[in-house]
Amino acid sequence: MEVPSISAAMLLLLSLLNQVNGEYEVDVFKTNGCDLFGGSWVYDDSYPLYDPKECPFIEKEFDCQRNGRPDGAYLKYRWQPSTCRLPRFDGGDFLRRFRGKRIMFVGDSLSLNQWQSLTCMLHTSVPHGSYTLVRTGDLSTFTFQDYNVSVMFSRNAFLVDVVSDKIGRVLKLDSILNGKSWKGFDMLIFNTWHWWLHTGRKQPSVFLWDYIEEGNAIYGDMDRLVAYEKALNTWAKWVDSNLDPTRTKVFFQGVSPDHNNGNDWADPKRKNCKDESKPVFGPKYPGGPHPAEEVVERVLRKIKKPVYLLDITTLSQLRKDGHPSVYGHGGHLDTDCSHWCLAGVPDTWNQLLSAALIQN
C-alpha cells in the first residue's frame, strides 16, 4: 500500500494503516514525539472558541445555554496534550486552504453534532461571509460562498443498508448500496455506533429494523458488538473498493461515549450525567477503554486504503460534564448523556481534525 506523504512538521496524531507481513497495524504519526490524543482537560478562560449565540442554525438539542443550562464552566475547558499544545483553530485559514473543496460527514446524530460544531467554528471565523444552508431529506449542505467550500452532513445511522422487505425492515450487514452518494468528495468523515445498542422503545421508528441479514441468513437479533464489527468490515471493504486516496481523504470519527453510569467515572452515587459540571481530571478514564473503540481499531487494522482515526474516545470519556443532560431538546422530561453541548467537546474533535489536515 502506498502511504500518503505527510510532512514531519504536521501537527497531528493519526492512526494510519501500514502493511506489516500481510496484515495492517495502527501506526502513530507524531510531531516531535507528541501524542495529541493523550492528555487532560485544563481550565482556560479564553474558551469557548465561539459564542453559540452567533450561530443561529445550531440545533435546539445541542444549544444548552439557550435551553437554560445555568452553569458555564463546562465551556472553559481546553484539551491539553501531555507533551505539546494543540493549535488553536483558525477558521479563516481553514477556509482558505480548502477553497473549492467538498467535505462530508456521514453518520448518526453524533456526526450531526460534529458537523454543526465545524460549521459554527467556520462561520464565527468569517461572520460577515456569505453562506447558504440547505436541507434536503437526510442531506444538509452548508456552503461558504466566498470560498466555495461545502461542508455537508449525510444522516446514516448504521452505514450499512436498512431496506424494507416483505418480512419487514432489514438491517443488511453486508450491503452498502447507499455508498454511491459518498463518492467524489475531497474529504469524508464517517461515524457509526450510537444506535447499535438501542433496543425496544429506545430504538425509534426512523431507525427501526425488524431483522438482521448477513448473506442468506436472517436473524431476529444478534450480539450488537458482533453485528457492529460485521457492518464495519463491510464499510472497510467498500472504502477499499470505491475510494481513490489521491482524490479523497478518509477519516473515521472515534467512538463518542455516553455517561449513563457513575461507576464508569468512579462515582457510584451518580445515575447519569445530570448535574455534572467538571471533567474527570487527569489522562485516564476510570471505566477503561470503550468496547466499541476496540472494535473500530480491529477493523482499521485490516483496511488497505489510508483511513485516519480521530481517536476522540478517551478525551471525550473524561467530559462527563459536556452533555446536554436536561438542557437538550427534551428538556427536563429527558436526560441526554449521549450528545454534546455546543459550544463544547465536538469543537475539540474539529481542532484535531484541522491539525490532521493542515501543516504548520
Protein backbone atom coordinates (compact mmCIF):
# COMPACT_ATOMS: atom_id res chain seq x y z
CA MET A 1 0.00 0.00 0.00
CA GLU A 2 1.21 3.47 -0.79
CA VAL A 3 1.34 5.60 2.34
CA PRO A 4 0.32 9.25 1.85
CA SER A 5 3.12 11.77 2.19
CA ILE A 6 2.92 13.68 5.46
CA SER A 7 5.34 16.39 6.49
CA ALA A 8 7.25 15.79 9.70
CA ALA A 9 6.14 19.22 10.83
CA MET A 10 2.45 18.43 10.57
CA LEU A 11 0.74 18.94 13.88
CA LEU A 12 -1.14 15.70 14.14
CA LEU A 13 -1.52 12.35 15.70
CA LEU A 14 -3.28 10.00 13.35
CA SER A 15 -3.90 6.31 13.23
CA LEU A 16 -2.60 5.38 9.77
CA LEU A 17 -2.73 1.88 8.45
CA ASN A 18 0.52 0.34 7.23
CA GLN A 19 1.04 -3.19 5.97
CA VAL A 20 3.30 -5.46 8.01
CA ASN A 21 3.75 -9.09 6.96
CA GLY A 22 0.45 -9.12 5.12
CA GLU A 23 -1.52 -7.51 7.95
CA TYR A 24 -2.11 -3.93 8.98
CA GLU A 25 -1.26 -2.31 12.26
CA VAL A 26 -2.14 1.04 13.70
CA ASP A 27 0.92 3.29 13.49
CA VAL A 28 1.16 6.60 15.30
CA PHE A 29 2.26 9.73 13.48
CA LYS A 30 3.66 12.30 15.86
CA THR A 31 5.12 15.76 15.79
CA ASN A 32 8.33 15.83 17.81
CA GLY A 33 7.06 12.87 19.82
CA CYS A 34 3.70 14.48 20.63
CA ASP A 35 0.57 12.39 21.06
CA LEU A 36 -2.29 14.86 20.53
CA PHE A 37 -4.88 12.38 21.81
CA GLY A 38 -3.19 11.68 25.15
CA GLY A 39 -3.56 14.43 27.72
CA SER A 40 -6.04 16.10 30.04
CA TRP A 41 -8.54 18.94 30.21
CA VAL A 42 -7.38 22.26 31.65
CA TYR A 43 -9.36 25.37 32.50
CA ASP A 44 -8.79 28.20 30.02
CA ASP A 45 -10.70 31.45 30.40
CA SER A 46 -10.18 32.27 26.70
CA TYR A 47 -12.61 29.49 25.81
CA PRO A 48 -15.05 28.68 24.25
CA LEU A 49 -13.85 29.12 20.69
CA TYR A 50 -17.13 30.89 19.76
CA ASP A 51 -20.33 32.22 21.23
CA PRO A 52 -23.15 29.83 20.27
CA LYS A 53 -25.50 32.83 20.06
CA GLU A 54 -23.64 33.78 16.88
CA CYS A 55 -24.73 30.51 15.24
CA PRO A 56 -28.49 30.70 14.78
CA PHE A 57 -28.50 27.39 12.92
CA ILE A 58 -27.42 25.24 15.90
CA GLU A 59 -29.97 22.52 16.60
CA LYS A 60 -32.02 23.10 19.71
CA GLU A 61 -30.90 19.76 21.15
CA PHE A 62 -27.27 20.98 21.30
CA ASP A 63 -27.84 24.61 22.35
CA CYS A 64 -27.59 24.08 26.09
CA GLN A 65 -27.20 27.74 27.03
CA ARG A 66 -30.31 28.76 25.12
CA ASN A 67 -32.14 25.86 26.75
CA GLY A 68 -31.36 27.29 30.17
CA ARG A 69 -28.28 25.48 31.39
CA PRO A 70 -27.27 27.68 34.33
CA ASP A 71 -23.56 26.81 34.66
CA GLY A 72 -20.87 27.86 32.21
CA ALA A 73 -17.64 26.33 33.45
CA TYR A 74 -18.00 23.39 31.05
CA LEU A 75 -17.40 25.87 28.21
CA LYS A 76 -13.99 26.84 29.56
CA TYR A 77 -12.03 23.61 29.28
CA ARG A 78 -9.30 23.17 26.68
CA TRP A 79 -7.75 19.87 25.64
CA GLN A 80 -4.07 19.85 26.61
CA PRO A 81 -1.89 17.06 25.15
CA SER A 82 0.69 15.82 27.62
CA THR A 83 3.80 16.84 25.69
CA CYS A 84 2.75 19.67 23.37
CA ARG A 85 -0.07 22.10 22.63
CA LEU A 86 -2.97 21.56 20.27
CA PRO A 87 -3.01 24.54 17.89
CA ARG A 88 -5.95 26.87 18.28
CA PHE A 89 -8.46 26.57 15.47
CA ASP A 90 -8.22 29.21 12.73
CA GLY A 91 -11.39 29.06 10.66
CA GLY A 92 -10.31 31.69 8.15
CA ASP A 93 -7.13 29.77 7.40
CA PHE A 94 -9.10 26.53 7.13
CA LEU A 95 -11.44 28.04 4.54
CA ARG A 96 -8.58 29.50 2.52
CA ARG A 97 -6.74 26.20 2.45
CA PHE A 98 -9.84 24.25 1.43
CA ARG A 99 -11.19 26.72 -1.10
CA GLY A 100 -13.26 24.91 -3.68
CA LYS A 101 -13.40 21.67 -1.67
CA ARG A 102 -16.30 19.49 -0.56
CA ILE A 103 -16.32 17.87 2.87
CA MET A 104 -18.94 15.37 4.01
CA PHE A 105 -19.75 13.91 7.42
CA VAL A 106 -21.55 10.57 7.14
CA GLY A 107 -23.13 9.03 10.20
CA ASP A 108 -25.63 9.39 13.01
CA SER A 109 -26.54 12.31 15.26
CA LEU A 110 -23.01 12.41 16.70
CA SER A 111 -21.83 13.22 13.18
CA LEU A 112 -24.52 15.91 13.15
CA ASN A 113 -23.04 17.16 16.42
CA GLN A 114 -19.55 17.43 14.90
CA TRP A 115 -20.83 18.89 11.62
CA GLN A 116 -22.74 21.61 13.46
CA SER A 117 -19.65 22.36 15.53
CA LEU A 118 -17.43 22.76 12.46
CA THR A 119 -19.92 24.94 10.59
CA CYS A 120 -20.24 27.19 13.63
CA MET A 121 -16.45 27.38 14.13
CA LEU A 122 -16.04 28.39 10.50
CA HIS A 123 -18.99 30.80 10.42
CA THR A 124 -17.84 32.72 13.50
CA SER A 125 -14.35 33.00 11.99
CA VAL A 126 -15.79 34.86 8.98
CA PRO A 127 -19.01 36.30 10.48
CA HIS A 128 -19.65 38.64 7.56
CA GLY A 129 -19.12 35.98 4.93
CA SER A 130 -21.99 34.75 2.80
CA TYR A 131 -23.34 31.28 3.44
CA THR A 132 -26.24 29.06 2.48
CA LEU A 133 -27.75 26.18 4.45
CA VAL A 134 -29.90 23.74 2.51
CA ARG A 135 -31.57 20.64 3.93
CA THR A 136 -32.98 18.04 1.56
CA GLY A 137 -34.13 14.81 3.17
CA ASP A 138 -31.20 13.32 5.08
CA LEU A 139 -28.64 15.62 3.43
CA SER A 140 -27.66 19.01 4.86
CA THR A 141 -25.29 21.29 2.95
CA PHE A 142 -23.60 24.35 4.46
CA THR A 143 -21.75 26.37 1.79
CA PHE A 144 -19.34 29.22 2.48
CA GLN A 145 -19.95 31.05 -0.77
CA ASP A 146 -16.93 33.37 -0.64
CA TYR A 147 -14.65 30.33 -0.56
CA ASN A 148 -16.80 27.80 -2.45
CA VAL A 149 -16.35 25.39 0.46
CA SER A 150 -19.20 22.99 1.15
CA VAL A 151 -19.45 21.16 4.49
CA MET A 152 -22.15 18.51 4.29
CA PHE A 153 -23.85 16.04 6.60
CA SER A 154 -25.46 12.83 5.35
CA ARG A 155 -27.51 11.14 8.06
CA ASN A 156 -26.85 7.40 8.05
CA ALA A 157 -27.08 5.73 11.44
CA PHE A 158 -25.59 2.34 10.54
CA LEU A 159 -23.56 2.99 7.33
CA VAL A 160 -24.80 -0.36 6.01
CA ASP A 161 -28.23 -0.56 4.40
CA VAL A 162 -31.61 -0.78 6.08
CA VAL A 163 -34.20 -1.88 3.50
CA SER A 164 -37.91 -2.59 3.50
CA ASP A 165 -38.71 -6.18 2.61
CA LYS A 166 -41.82 -8.35 2.71
CA ILE A 167 -40.78 -9.57 6.16
CA GLY A 168 -40.22 -6.02 7.46
CA ARG A 169 -37.26 -3.67 7.71
CA VAL A 170 -33.97 -5.49 7.37
CA LEU A 171 -30.53 -4.34 8.53
CA LYS A 172 -28.18 -5.79 5.89
CA LEU A 173 -24.75 -6.24 7.42
CA ASP A 174 -23.05 -6.93 4.09
CA SER A 175 -24.62 -4.26 1.86
CA ILE A 176 -23.79 -0.57 1.24
CA LEU A 177 -25.78 0.41 -1.81
CA ASN A 178 -26.21 3.90 -0.37
CA GLY A 179 -22.45 4.41 -0.69
CA LYS A 180 -22.94 5.71 -4.23
CA SER A 181 -23.70 9.14 -2.76
CA TRP A 182 -20.39 9.25 -0.88
CA LYS A 183 -18.17 9.32 -3.96
CA GLY A 184 -16.46 12.37 -5.42
CA PHE A 185 -15.76 14.26 -2.18
CA ASP A 186 -12.44 15.73 -1.11
CA MET A 187 -12.87 14.54 2.45
CA LEU A 188 -15.17 12.04 4.18
CA ILE A 189 -15.59 11.70 7.94
CA PHE A 190 -17.50 8.54 8.85
CA ASN A 191 -19.11 7.57 12.12
CA THR A 192 -21.47 4.93 13.47
CA TRP A 193 -22.07 3.48 16.91
CA HIS A 194 -24.76 5.37 18.81
CA TRP A 195 -27.74 3.33 17.57
CA TRP A 196 -26.22 -0.13 17.62
CA LEU A 197 -27.10 -0.78 21.27
CA HIS A 198 -30.58 0.75 21.16
CA THR A 199 -33.37 -1.78 21.51
CA GLY A 200 -37.10 -1.75 22.15
CA ARG A 201 -38.57 1.64 22.95
CA LYS A 202 -35.11 3.24 22.76
CA GLN A 203 -34.96 2.39 19.05
CA PRO A 204 -37.25 4.96 17.38
CA SER A 205 -39.17 4.11 14.24
CA VAL A 206 -36.97 6.25 11.97
CA PHE A 207 -34.08 3.84 12.61
CA LEU A 208 -36.09 0.72 13.40
CA TRP A 209 -35.24 -2.62 11.86
CA ASP A 210 -37.03 -5.88 12.43
CA TYR A 211 -34.38 -8.35 11.30
CA ILE A 212 -30.66 -8.60 10.64
CA GLU A 213 -29.42 -10.16 7.42
CA GLU A 214 -25.95 -11.49 6.65
CA GLY A 215 -25.54 -13.35 3.39
CA ASN A 216 -28.54 -15.65 3.08
CA ALA A 217 -29.12 -15.85 6.81
CA ILE A 218 -31.84 -13.87 8.61
CA TYR A 219 -31.63 -13.24 12.35
CA GLY A 220 -34.12 -11.79 14.81
CA ASP A 221 -31.14 -10.22 16.59
CA MET A 222 -27.51 -10.92 17.44
CA ASP A 223 -24.83 -9.65 19.79
CA ARG A 224 -24.70 -5.97 18.89
CA LEU A 225 -20.92 -5.66 19.10
CA VAL A 226 -20.63 -8.62 16.74
CA ALA A 227 -23.12 -7.02 14.35
CA TYR A 228 -21.26 -3.70 14.62
CA GLU A 229 -17.96 -5.30 13.67
CA LYS A 230 -19.51 -7.12 10.71
CA ALA A 231 -21.00 -3.85 9.45
CA LEU A 232 -17.71 -2.00 9.85
CA ASN A 233 -15.91 -4.73 7.92
CA THR A 234 -18.42 -4.20 5.09
CA TRP A 235 -17.73 -0.46 5.23
CA ALA A 236 -13.96 -1.11 5.16
CA LYS A 237 -14.34 -3.27 2.04
CA TRP A 238 -16.41 -0.50 0.44
CA VAL A 239 -13.65 2.04 1.12
CA ASP A 240 -11.01 -0.26 -0.34
CA SER A 241 -13.09 -0.88 -3.48
CA ASN A 242 -14.53 2.58 -4.14
CA LEU A 243 -12.30 5.42 -2.95
CA ASP A 244 -9.17 6.89 -4.51
CA PRO A 245 -6.83 8.12 -1.75
CA THR A 246 -5.27 10.65 -4.14
CA ARG A 247 -8.71 12.23 -4.50
CA THR A 248 -10.39 11.69 -1.12
CA LYS A 249 -9.07 11.79 2.44
CA VAL A 250 -10.98 9.42 4.70
CA PHE A 251 -11.43 9.76 8.45
CA PHE A 252 -13.30 7.68 10.97
CA GLN A 253 -14.63 9.56 13.96
CA GLY A 254 -13.71 7.55 17.03
CA VAL A 255 -16.48 6.27 19.26
CA SER A 256 -18.27 9.03 21.15
CA PRO A 257 -19.05 7.76 24.67
CA ASP A 258 -22.12 8.35 26.80
CA HIS A 259 -22.25 8.89 30.55
CA ASN A 260 -25.17 6.92 31.93
CA ASN A 261 -23.46 5.14 34.80
CA GLY A 262 -21.49 6.93 37.51
CA ASN A 263 -19.49 3.77 38.21
CA ASP A 264 -17.66 4.45 34.96
CA TRP A 265 -16.11 7.61 36.43
CA ALA A 266 -15.78 6.23 39.98
CA ASP A 267 -18.85 7.98 41.37
CA PRO A 268 -21.40 5.21 42.03
CA LYS A 269 -23.91 7.66 43.52
CA ARG A 270 -24.40 9.23 40.09
CA LYS A 271 -27.06 7.67 37.87
CA ASN A 272 -26.02 9.64 34.80
CA CYS A 273 -24.50 12.96 33.67
CA LYS A 274 -27.18 15.16 35.24
CA ASP A 275 -25.68 17.99 37.35
CA GLU A 276 -22.12 17.13 36.33
CA SER A 277 -20.16 20.37 36.00
CA LYS A 278 -16.49 19.34 35.81
CA PRO A 279 -14.47 16.87 33.73
CA VAL A 280 -12.69 13.84 35.04
CA PHE A 281 -9.26 15.35 35.67
CA GLY A 282 -6.13 13.54 34.57
CA PRO A 283 -5.31 11.47 31.50
CA LYS A 284 -7.09 8.20 32.36
CA TYR A 285 -10.78 7.31 32.50
CA PRO A 286 -11.66 5.06 35.45
CA GLY A 287 -14.02 2.97 33.31
CA GLY A 288 -11.23 1.96 30.94
CA PRO A 289 -11.36 1.53 27.16
CA HIS A 290 -14.68 1.60 25.35
CA PRO A 291 -15.54 -1.84 23.86
CA ALA A 292 -16.67 -0.33 20.55
CA GLU A 293 -13.38 1.57 20.28
CA GLU A 294 -11.56 -1.74 20.33
CA VAL A 295 -13.79 -3.00 17.50
CA VAL A 296 -13.02 0.10 15.41
CA GLU A 297 -9.29 -0.34 15.85
CA ARG A 298 -9.52 -4.02 14.96
CA VAL A 299 -11.37 -3.24 11.72
CA LEU A 300 -8.97 -0.44 10.76
CA ARG A 301 -6.04 -2.82 11.04
CA LYS A 302 -7.47 -4.78 8.12
CA ILE A 303 -8.24 -1.94 5.75
CA LYS A 304 -5.87 -1.39 2.82
CA LYS A 305 -6.57 2.22 1.85
CA PRO A 306 -5.34 5.01 4.15
CA VAL A 307 -8.02 5.81 6.70
CA TYR A 308 -7.29 8.10 9.62
CA LEU A 309 -8.79 7.56 13.05
CA LEU A 310 -9.77 10.63 15.01
CA ASP A 311 -9.11 8.97 18.33
CA ILE A 312 -11.52 11.08 20.37
CA THR A 313 -12.89 8.37 22.68
CA THR A 314 -10.76 8.76 25.80
CA LEU A 315 -10.68 12.55 25.78
CA SER A 316 -14.47 12.53 25.42
CA GLN A 317 -14.91 9.94 28.17
CA LEU A 318 -13.29 12.46 30.51
CA ARG A 319 -16.03 15.02 29.74
CA LYS A 320 -18.96 13.76 31.80
CA ASP A 321 -19.93 17.44 32.18
CA GLY A 322 -20.25 18.17 28.46
CA HIS A 323 -23.66 16.66 27.65
CA PRO A 324 -26.99 18.49 27.33
CA SER A 325 -28.39 16.47 30.22
CA VAL A 326 -31.83 18.02 30.89
CA TYR A 327 -30.95 21.06 28.76
CA GLY A 328 -31.38 19.35 25.41
CA HIS A 329 -34.38 19.04 23.12
CA GLY A 330 -36.42 17.05 25.64
CA GLY A 331 -35.94 19.48 28.49
CA HIS A 332 -36.48 18.10 31.98
CA LEU A 333 -38.55 15.23 30.59
CA ASP A 334 -35.45 13.64 29.08
CA THR A 335 -31.80 13.36 30.12
CA ASP A 336 -29.39 13.32 27.19
CA CYS A 337 -25.99 11.98 28.21
CA SER A 338 -25.00 10.92 24.69
CA HIS A 339 -24.86 14.11 22.60
CA TRP A 340 -22.77 17.18 23.39
CA CYS A 341 -23.48 20.81 24.10
CA LEU A 342 -22.33 23.37 21.55
CA ALA A 343 -20.05 25.12 22.13
CA GLY A 344 -18.31 22.13 23.68
CA VAL A 345 -16.45 18.89 23.24
CA PRO A 346 -17.01 18.44 19.45
CA ASP A 347 -15.10 21.68 18.92
CA THR A 348 -12.02 19.84 20.16
CA TRP A 349 -12.75 16.99 17.74
CA ASN A 350 -12.63 19.54 14.95
CA GLN A 351 -9.44 21.11 16.28
CA LEU A 352 -7.91 17.66 16.00
CA LEU A 353 -9.35 17.23 12.50
CA SER A 354 -7.86 20.56 11.48
CA ALA A 355 -4.50 19.64 12.96
CA ALA A 356 -4.61 16.42 10.97
CA LEU A 357 -5.20 18.30 7.73
CA ILE A 358 -3.17 21.46 7.95
CA GLN A 359 0.61 21.53 8.05
CA ASN A 360 2.19 24.09 10.33
